[in-house]
C-alpha atoms as a PDB file:
ATOM      1  CA  MET A   1       0.000   0.000   0.000  1.00  0.00           C
ATOM      2  CA  ALA A   2       1.338   3.437  -0.972  1.00  0.00           C
ATOM      3  CA  ILE A   3       2.196   5.784   1.881  1.00  0.00           C
ATOM      4  CA  VAL A   4       0.053   8.918   1.947  1.00  0.00           C
ATOM      5  CA  THR A   5       2.044  12.153   1.972  1.00  0.00           C
ATOM      6  CA  LEU A   6       0.737  14.715   4.457  1.00  0.00           C
ATOM      7  CA  LEU A   7       0.874  18.379   3.501  1.00  0.00           C
ATOM      8  CA  PRO A   8       1.359  21.329   5.882  1.00  0.00           C
ATOM      9  CA  ARG A   9      -1.762  23.233   6.928  1.00  0.00           C
ATOM     10  CA  LEU A  10      -2.027  26.942   7.652  1.00  0.00           C
ATOM     11  CA  ASP A  11      -5.044  28.459   9.410  1.00  0.00           C
ATOM     12  CA  SER A  12      -6.734  31.650   8.235  1.00  0.00           C
ATOM     13  CA  GLY A  13      -5.495  33.663  11.210  1.00  0.00           C
ATOM     14  CA  THR A  14      -1.895  32.927  10.317  1.00  0.00           C
ATOM     15  CA  VAL A  15      -2.557  33.734   6.664  1.00  0.00           C
ATOM     16  CA  LYS A  16      -3.801  37.158   7.751  1.00  0.00           C
ATOM     17  CA  ALA A  17      -0.828  37.708  10.069  1.00  0.00           C
ATOM     18  CA  LEU A  18       1.707  36.739   7.402  1.00  0.00           C
ATOM     19  CA  THR A  19       0.116  38.767   4.604  1.00  0.00           C
ATOM     20  CA  ASP A  20      -0.015  41.777   6.938  1.00  0.00           C
ATOM     21  CA  GLN A  21       3.675  41.193   7.630  1.00  0.00           C
ATOM     22  CA  TYR A  22       4.410  40.986   3.906  1.00  0.00           C
ATOM     23  CA  LEU A  23       2.650  44.316   3.352  1.00  0.00           C
ATOM     24  CA  LYS A  24       4.897  45.954   5.938  1.00  0.00           C
ATOM     25  CA  GLU A  25       8.205  44.185   5.382  1.00  0.00           C
ATOM     26  CA  GLY A  26       8.030  42.726   1.895  1.00  0.00           C
ATOM     27  CA  ILE A  27       7.746  39.126   0.709  1.00  0.00           C
ATOM     28  CA  PRO A  28      10.626  36.674   1.260  1.00  0.00           C
ATOM     29  CA  ASP A  29      12.198  35.493  -1.961  1.00  0.00           C
ATOM     30  CA  ASP A  30      12.850  31.994  -0.696  1.00  0.00           C
ATOM     31  CA  PHE A  31      11.012  29.232   1.144  1.00  0.00           C
ATOM     32  CA  ILE A  32      11.294  29.632   4.912  1.00  0.00           C
ATOM     33  CA  SER A  33       9.897  26.903   7.176  1.00  0.00           C
ATOM     34  CA  ASN A  34       7.144  28.182   9.456  1.00  0.00           C
ATOM     35  CA  ASP A  35       6.564  26.840  12.963  1.00  0.00           C
ATOM     36  CA  THR A  36       2.852  27.688  12.896  1.00  0.00           C
ATOM     37  CA  VAL A  37       1.962  25.031  10.315  1.00  0.00           C
ATOM     38  CA  LYS A  38       0.071  21.915  11.355  1.00  0.00           C
ATOM     39  CA  TYR A  39      -0.300  18.416   9.960  1.00  0.00           C
ATOM     40  CA  ALA A  40      -2.887  15.684  10.234  1.00  0.00           C
ATOM     41  CA  SER A  41      -2.214  13.793  13.463  1.00  0.00           C
ATOM     42  CA  SER A  42      -1.896  10.414  11.732  1.00  0.00           C
ATOM     43  CA  GLY A  43      -2.442   8.487   8.539  1.00  0.00           C
ATOM     44  CA  GLY A  44       0.673   9.199   6.554  1.00  0.00           C
ATOM     45  CA  SER A  45       4.173  10.588   6.285  1.00  0.00           C
ATOM     46  CA  ARG A  46       4.856  14.334   6.445  1.00  0.00           C
ATOM     47  CA  ILE A  47       6.219  15.894   3.297  1.00  0.00           C
ATOM     48  CA  THR A  48       9.858  16.892   3.715  1.00  0.00           C
ATOM     49  CA  ASP A  49      11.310  20.377   3.341  1.00  0.00           C
ATOM     50  CA  HIS A  50      13.447  18.953   0.541  1.00  0.00           C
ATOM     51  CA  THR A  51      10.335  17.900  -1.390  1.00  0.00           C
ATOM     52  CA  LEU A  52       8.633  21.231  -0.739  1.00  0.00           C
ATOM     53  CA  ARG A  53      11.677  23.050  -2.044  1.00  0.00           C
ATOM     54  CA  SER A  54      11.682  20.800  -5.118  1.00  0.00           C
ATOM     55  CA  ILE A  55       8.041  21.748  -5.787  1.00  0.00           C
ATOM     56  CA  ARG A  56       8.934  25.404  -5.357  1.00  0.00           C
ATOM     57  CA  ASN A  57      11.803  25.074  -7.813  1.00  0.00           C
ATOM     58  CA  SER A  58       9.541  23.400 -10.376  1.00  0.00           C
ATOM     59  CA  VAL A  59       7.005  26.219 -10.078  1.00  0.00           C
ATOM     60  CA  LEU A  60       9.725  28.864 -10.353  1.00  0.00           C
ATOM     61  CA  ALA A  61      11.109  27.190 -13.476  1.00  0.00           C
ATOM     62  CA  VAL A  62       7.702  27.508 -15.143  1.00  0.00           C
ATOM     63  CA  CYS A  63       7.054  31.058 -13.955  1.00  0.00           C
ATOM     64  CA  THR A  64      10.479  32.270 -15.057  1.00  0.00           C
ATOM     65  CA  LYS A  65       9.517  31.378 -18.629  1.00  0.00           C
ATOM     66  CA  TYR A  66       6.650  33.856 -18.352  1.00  0.00           C
ATOM     67  CA  GLY A  67       8.478  36.787 -16.810  1.00  0.00           C
ATOM     68  CA  PHE A  68       8.931  36.030 -13.108  1.00  0.00           C
ATOM     69  CA  PRO A  69       9.980  37.991 -11.077  1.00  0.00           C
ATOM     70  CA  ASN A  70       9.312  40.871 -13.481  1.00  0.00           C
ATOM     71  CA  GLY A  71       6.085  41.685 -15.300  1.00  0.00           C
ATOM     72  CA  PHE A  72       3.375  39.150 -16.149  1.00  0.00           C
ATOM     73  CA  SER A  73       1.396  39.341 -19.383  1.00  0.00           C
ATOM     74  CA  LYS A  74      -2.240  38.270 -19.057  1.00  0.00           C
ATOM     75  CA  SER A  75      -2.020  36.823 -22.551  1.00  0.00           C
ATOM     76  CA  ASP A  76       0.232  34.125 -21.073  1.00  0.00           C
ATOM     77  CA  ARG A  77      -2.345  33.062 -18.481  1.00  0.00           C
ATOM     78  CA  GLY A  78      -3.417  29.874 -20.213  1.00  0.00           C
ATOM     79  CA  TYR A  79       0.113  28.730 -20.976  1.00  0.00           C
ATOM     80  CA  LEU A  80       1.321  29.432 -17.449  1.00  0.00           C
ATOM     81  CA  GLU A  81      -1.592  27.720 -15.729  1.00  0.00           C
ATOM     82  CA  SER A  82      -1.559  24.646 -17.955  1.00  0.00           C
ATOM     83  CA  GLU A  83       2.118  24.107 -17.122  1.00  0.00           C
ATOM     84  CA  LEU A  84       1.516  24.678 -13.415  1.00  0.00           C
ATOM     85  CA  ALA A  85      -1.360  22.194 -13.575  1.00  0.00           C
ATOM     86  CA  ALA A  86       1.138  19.580 -14.745  1.00  0.00           C
ATOM     87  CA  VAL A  87       3.491  20.448 -11.870  1.00  0.00           C
ATOM     88  CA  PHE A  88       0.795  20.269  -9.190  1.00  0.00           C
ATOM     89  CA  SER A  89      -0.829  17.122 -10.571  1.00  0.00           C
ATOM     90  CA  LYS A  90       2.488  15.291 -10.364  1.00  0.00           C
ATOM     91  CA  ALA A  91       3.613  16.819  -7.067  1.00  0.00           C
ATOM     92  CA  PHE A  92       0.453  16.014  -5.123  1.00  0.00           C
ATOM     93  CA  SER A  93      -0.483  12.655  -6.617  1.00  0.00           C
ATOM     94  CA  GLY A  94       0.327  11.006  -3.280  1.00  0.00           C
ATOM     95  CA  SER A  95      -1.552  13.573  -1.201  1.00  0.00           C
ATOM     96  CA  THR A  96      -5.033  13.247  -2.654  1.00  0.00           C
ATOM     97  CA  ALA A  97      -6.992  14.106   0.499  1.00  0.00           C
ATOM     98  CA  ASP A  98      -4.752  16.922   1.724  1.00  0.00           C
ATOM     99  CA  ALA A  99      -4.533  18.424  -1.758  1.00  0.00           C
ATOM    100  CA  LEU A 100      -8.279  19.090  -1.555  1.00  0.00           C
ATOM    101  CA  ARG A 101      -7.984  21.038   1.707  1.00  0.00           C
ATOM    102  CA  ASN A 102      -8.162  24.822   1.775  1.00  0.00           C
ATOM    103  CA  ASP A 103      -5.631  25.126   4.597  1.00  0.00           C
ATOM    104  CA  CYS A 104      -3.007  23.123   2.682  1.00  0.00           C
ATOM    105  CA  TRP A 105      -3.260  25.483  -0.276  1.00  0.00           C
ATOM    106  CA  ALA A 106      -3.120  28.415   2.132  1.00  0.00           C
ATOM    107  CA  PHE A 107       0.292  27.091   3.183  1.00  0.00           C
ATOM    108  CA  ILE A 108       1.463  26.630  -0.395  1.00  0.00           C
ATOM    109  CA  ALA A 109       0.485  30.174  -1.367  1.00  0.00           C
ATOM    110  CA  THR A 110       1.447  31.982   1.846  1.00  0.00           C
ATOM    111  CA  VAL A 111       4.608  30.155   2.946  1.00  0.00           C
ATOM    112  CA  LEU A 112       5.963  28.147   0.017  1.00  0.00           C
ATOM    113  CA  LEU A 113       5.299  30.482  -2.918  1.00  0.00           C
ATOM    114  CA  PRO A 114       4.219  33.950  -1.710  1.00  0.00           C
ATOM    115  CA  ASP A 115       6.538  35.717  -4.147  1.00  0.00           C
ATOM    116  CA  VAL A 116       4.903  33.912  -7.060  1.00  0.00           C
ATOM    117  CA  VAL A 117       1.408  34.833  -5.841  1.00  0.00           C
ATOM    118  CA  SER A 118       2.384  38.498  -5.556  1.00  0.00           C
ATOM    119  CA  TRP A 119       3.930  38.418  -9.039  1.00  0.00           C
ATOM    120  CA  ARG A 120       0.984  36.671 -10.671  1.00  0.00           C
ATOM    121  CA  PHE A 121      -1.674  38.916  -9.138  1.00  0.00           C
ATOM    122  CA  SER A 122       0.274  42.184  -8.962  1.00  0.00           C
ATOM    123  CA  GLY A 123       0.515  42.635  -5.219  1.00  0.00           C
ATOM    124  CA  ILE A 124      -0.670  41.166  -1.957  1.00  0.00           C
ATOM    125  CA  LYS A 125      -4.349  40.330  -2.351  1.00  0.00           C
ATOM    126  CA  ARG A 126      -5.315  38.221   0.647  1.00  0.00           C
ATOM    127  CA  GLU A 127      -7.927  36.124  -1.162  1.00  0.00           C
ATOM    128  CA  ARG A 128      -5.137  34.795  -3.395  1.00  0.00           C
ATOM    129  CA  PHE A 129      -3.298  33.475  -0.328  1.00  0.00           C
ATOM    130  CA  GLU A 130      -6.274  32.126   1.632  1.00  0.00           C
ATOM    131  CA  GLY A 131      -7.531  28.658   0.810  1.00  0.00           C
ATOM    132  CA  GLY A 132     -10.523  28.328  -1.500  1.00  0.00           C
ATOM    133  CA  ILE A 133     -11.522  28.894  -5.098  1.00  0.00           C
ATOM    134  CA  ARG A 134      -9.713  32.261  -5.206  1.00  0.00           C
ATOM    135  CA  ASN A 135      -6.403  30.821  -4.013  1.00  0.00           C
ATOM    136  CA  ALA A 136      -3.702  31.416  -6.628  1.00  0.00           C
ATOM    137  CA  PHE A 137      -2.808  27.733  -6.929  1.00  0.00           C
ATOM    138  CA  GLN A 138      -5.780  25.791  -5.557  1.00  0.00           C
ATOM    139  CA  ARG A 139      -7.911  27.001  -8.456  1.00  0.00           C
ATOM    140  CA  ILE A 140      -5.341  25.598 -10.903  1.00  0.00           C
ATOM    141  CA  TYR A 141      -5.172  22.267  -9.099  1.00  0.00           C
ATOM    142  CA  MET A 142      -8.964  21.925  -9.092  1.00  0.00           C
ATOM    143  CA  ARG A 143      -8.974  22.643 -12.806  1.00  0.00           C
ATOM    144  CA  SER A 144      -6.340  19.962 -13.304  1.00  0.00           C
ATOM    145  CA  ILE A 145      -8.667  17.425 -11.680  1.00  0.00           C
ATOM    146  CA  SER A 146     -11.704  18.397 -13.750  1.00  0.00           C
ATOM    147  CA  LEU A 147     -10.016  18.979 -17.108  1.00  0.00           C
ATOM    148  CA  ASP A 148      -7.249  16.384 -17.292  1.00  0.00           C
ATOM    149  CA  ARG A 149      -7.402  14.687 -20.688  1.00  0.00           C
ATOM    150  CA  GLY A 150      -5.271  11.860 -19.335  1.00  0.00           C
ATOM    151  CA  PRO A 151      -1.584  10.881 -19.493  1.00  0.00           C
ATOM    152  CA  SER A 152      -1.940   9.225 -22.895  1.00  0.00           C
ATOM    153  CA  HIS A 153      -3.275  12.391 -24.560  1.00  0.00           C
ATOM    154  CA  ASP A 154      -0.692  14.335 -26.559  1.00  0.00           C
ATOM    155  CA  ASP A 155      -2.091  17.638 -25.246  1.00  0.00           C
ATOM    156  CA  ARG A 156      -3.028  16.582 -21.734  1.00  0.00           C
ATOM    157  CA  TRP A 157      -3.509  20.065 -20.219  1.00  0.00           C
ATOM    158  CA  GLY A 158      -4.703  21.839 -23.363  1.00  0.00           C
ATOM    159  CA  LEU A 159      -8.177  22.571 -21.997  1.00  0.00           C
ATOM    160  CA  ILE A 160      -6.700  24.658 -19.191  1.00  0.00           C
ATOM    161  CA  ARG A 161      -4.525  26.475 -21.725  1.00  0.00           C
ATOM    162  CA  ASP A 162      -7.166  27.138 -24.371  1.00  0.00           C
ATOM    163  CA  LEU A 163     -10.363  27.925 -22.473  1.00  0.00           C
ATOM    164  CA  SER A 164     -11.087  31.511 -21.456  1.00  0.00           C
ATOM    165  CA  GLU A 165     -11.052  32.403 -17.775  1.00  0.00           C
ATOM    166  CA  ASP A 166     -14.827  32.861 -17.872  1.00  0.00           C
ATOM    167  CA  ALA A 167     -15.331  29.392 -19.343  1.00  0.00           C
ATOM    168  CA  LEU A 168     -13.022  27.821 -16.762  1.00  0.00           C
ATOM    169  CA  VAL A 169     -14.927  29.479 -13.927  1.00  0.00           C
ATOM    170  CA  GLN A 170     -18.291  28.400 -15.350  1.00  0.00           C
ATOM    171  CA  ILE A 171     -17.129  24.792 -15.515  1.00  0.00           C
ATOM    172  CA  THR A 172     -14.933  24.243 -12.489  1.00  0.00           C
ATOM    173  CA  GLU A 173     -16.675  26.435  -9.909  1.00  0.00           C
ATOM    174  CA  ARG A 174     -20.068  24.791 -10.393  1.00  0.00           C
ATOM    175  CA  PRO A 175     -20.063  21.601  -8.291  1.00  0.00           C
ATOM    176  CA  SER A 176     -22.624  19.868 -10.511  1.00  0.00           C
ATOM    177  CA  ILE A 177     -20.167  20.140 -13.403  1.00  0.00           C
ATOM    178  CA  GLY A 178     -16.670  20.597 -12.022  1.00  0.00           C
ATOM    179  CA  ALA A 179     -16.978  17.706  -9.578  1.00  0.00           C
ATOM    180  CA  ASN A 180     -17.606  15.285 -12.442  1.00  0.00           C
ATOM    181  CA  PRO A 181     -14.571  15.191 -14.770  1.00  0.00           C
ATOM    182  CA  VAL A 182     -16.516  13.428 -17.535  1.00  0.00           C
ATOM    183  CA  ILE A 183     -19.065  16.236 -17.714  1.00  0.00           C
ATOM    184  CA  ALA A 184     -16.466  18.956 -17.187  1.00  0.00           C
ATOM    185  CA  ARG A 185     -14.270  17.711 -20.017  1.00  0.00           C
ATOM    186  CA  ASN A 186     -17.230  17.302 -22.355  1.00  0.00           C
ATOM    187  CA  VAL A 187     -18.402  20.856 -21.741  1.00  0.00           C
ATOM    188  CA  ALA A 188     -14.852  22.166 -22.153  1.00  0.00           C
ATOM    189  CA  GLU A 189     -14.335  20.308 -25.427  1.00  0.00           C
ATOM    190  CA  GLY A 190     -17.740  21.577 -26.564  1.00  0.00           C
ATOM    191  CA  TRP A 191     -16.691  25.135 -25.778  1.00  0.00           C
ATOM    192  CA  LEU A 192     -13.626  24.743 -28.011  1.00  0.00           C
ATOM    193  CA  ARG A 193     -15.775  23.475 -30.869  1.00  0.00           C
ATOM    194  CA  ALA A 194     -18.341  26.235 -30.316  1.00  0.00           C
ATOM    195  CA  ILE A 195     -15.851  29.101 -30.395  1.00  0.00           C
ATOM    196  CA  LYS A 196     -14.662  27.922 -33.805  1.00  0.00           C
ATOM    197  CA  LEU A 197     -18.249  27.901 -35.089  1.00  0.00           C
ATOM    198  CA  TYR A 198     -19.661  31.024 -33.464  1.00  0.00           C
ATOM    199  CA  GLY A 199     -16.652  33.221 -32.678  1.00  0.00           C
ATOM    200  CA  SER A 200     -15.495  34.607 -29.352  1.00  0.00           C
ATOM    201  CA  ASN A 201     -17.881  37.567 -29.027  1.00  0.00           C
ATOM    202  CA  SER A 202     -20.919  35.484 -28.098  1.00  0.00           C
ATOM    203  CA  MET A 203     -19.187  32.844 -26.005  1.00  0.00           C
ATOM    204  CA  GLU A 204     -19.794  34.227 -22.507  1.00  0.00           C
ATOM    205  CA  SER A 205     -23.576  34.326 -22.948  1.00  0.00           C
ATOM    206  CA  ARG A 206     -23.540  31.121 -24.988  1.00  0.00           C
ATOM    207  CA  MET A 207     -21.631  29.354 -22.214  1.00  0.00           C
ATOM    208  CA  ARG A 208     -24.040  30.516 -19.520  1.00  0.00           C
ATOM    209  CA  ASN A 209     -27.033  29.396 -21.561  1.00  0.00           C
ATOM    210  CA  ALA A 210     -25.421  26.024 -22.219  1.00  0.00           C
ATOM    211  CA  ILE A 211     -24.841  25.448 -18.505  1.00  0.00           C
ATOM    212  CA  ILE A 212     -28.441  26.401 -17.697  1.00  0.00           C
ATOM    213  CA  LYS A 213     -29.785  23.997 -20.319  1.00  0.00           C
ATOM    214  CA  LEU A 214     -27.676  21.134 -19.017  1.00  0.00           C
ATOM    215  CA  ARG A 215     -28.828  21.719 -15.454  1.00  0.00           C
ATOM    216  CA  ILE A 216     -32.520  22.318 -16.185  1.00  0.00           C
ATOM    217  CA  ASN A 217     -32.880  19.236 -18.366  1.00  0.00           C
ATOM    218  CA  ASN A 218     -31.088  17.002 -15.837  1.00  0.00           C
ATOM    219  CA  VAL A 219     -28.961  15.756 -18.714  1.00  0.00           C
ATOM    220  CA  MET A 220     -25.882  15.531 -16.518  1.00  0.00           C
ATOM    221  CA  GLN A 221     -27.317  12.598 -14.585  1.00  0.00           C
ATOM    222  CA  LEU A 222     -27.374  10.585 -17.804  1.00  0.00           C
ATOM    223  CA  PHE A 223     -23.796  11.263 -18.902  1.00  0.00           C
ATOM    224  CA  PRO A 224     -22.196   8.182 -17.298  1.00  0.00           C
ATOM    225  CA  PHE A 225     -24.567   5.963 -19.289  1.00  0.00           C
ATOM    226  CA  LEU A 226     -24.062   7.603 -22.687  1.00  0.00           C
ATOM    227  CA  SER A 227     -21.532   6.887 -25.402  1.00  0.00           C
ATOM    228  CA  SER A 228     -18.900   9.510 -26.162  1.00  0.00           C
ATOM    229  CA  GLU A 229     -20.703  10.400 -29.387  1.00  0.00           C
ATOM    230  CA  GLU A 230     -23.998  10.872 -27.547  1.00  0.00           C
ATOM    231  CA  GLN A 231     -22.284  13.067 -24.967  1.00  0.00           C
ATOM    232  CA  LYS A 232     -20.722  15.166 -27.714  1.00  0.00           C
ATOM    233  CA  LYS A 233     -24.056  15.599 -29.495  1.00  0.00           C
ATOM    234  CA  ILE A 234     -25.817  16.787 -26.336  1.00  0.00           C
ATOM    235  CA  VAL A 235     -23.100  19.316 -25.540  1.00  0.00           C
ATOM    236  CA  ASP A 236     -22.969  20.662 -29.097  1.00  0.00           C
ATOM    237  CA  ASN A 237     -26.750  21.132 -29.063  1.00  0.00           C
ATOM    238  CA  VAL A 238     -26.776  23.220 -25.875  1.00  0.00           C
ATOM    239  CA  PHE A 239     -24.165  25.560 -27.365  1.00  0.00           C
ATOM    240  CA  LYS A 240     -26.217  26.211 -30.514  1.00  0.00           C
ATOM    241  CA  SER A 241     -28.259  29.121 -29.169  1.00  0.00           C
END
């Protein structure tokens, strides 16, 4: 049986204290262990500082390609996040339960990679450090779960790269869709087909209407029992108008 890797946890009070400190004193440019972190009391082996530093280095290697620590171009968002999705998916494959916890991502953003968060979002915005759907990295990891095309696909993380931010939010922040990777991927692939047919100008409203149609008609409950062609046909139909 594989040993579960436990990730550090950081409570919201400490996130506030540290971000306040960063506002006054600046953000450290290296990983510094923090005595206030906590771990699950049992059930696995604690991740080592060496492994945490390795994760940090992998993230920095990606971010440096896109301008870190200098300016960040929003046009690079999809490329950056698709590459970070690959890093996080690999790094936390042995920490499935902890990698879904808000307080673990609070640690990653606030202690392990605060300089990257500040660079990516142009300053210290507390919601990007706190755990949850606004966390700088947790949002990418959740997208990697919902939109992973699989290790055998030659463009595994392409959905994260190619979808607009609005489309990603519509898919991954709605539990009825984002929590089911089969549905999430189908809607994402449908969005890519739709933008080629209808152009980008109408896609925000078209996406919202498509989501409403899927939910109202209870089609999503049927997806596990449909063939891939049937799934594709349903999704293409809801994007038509």
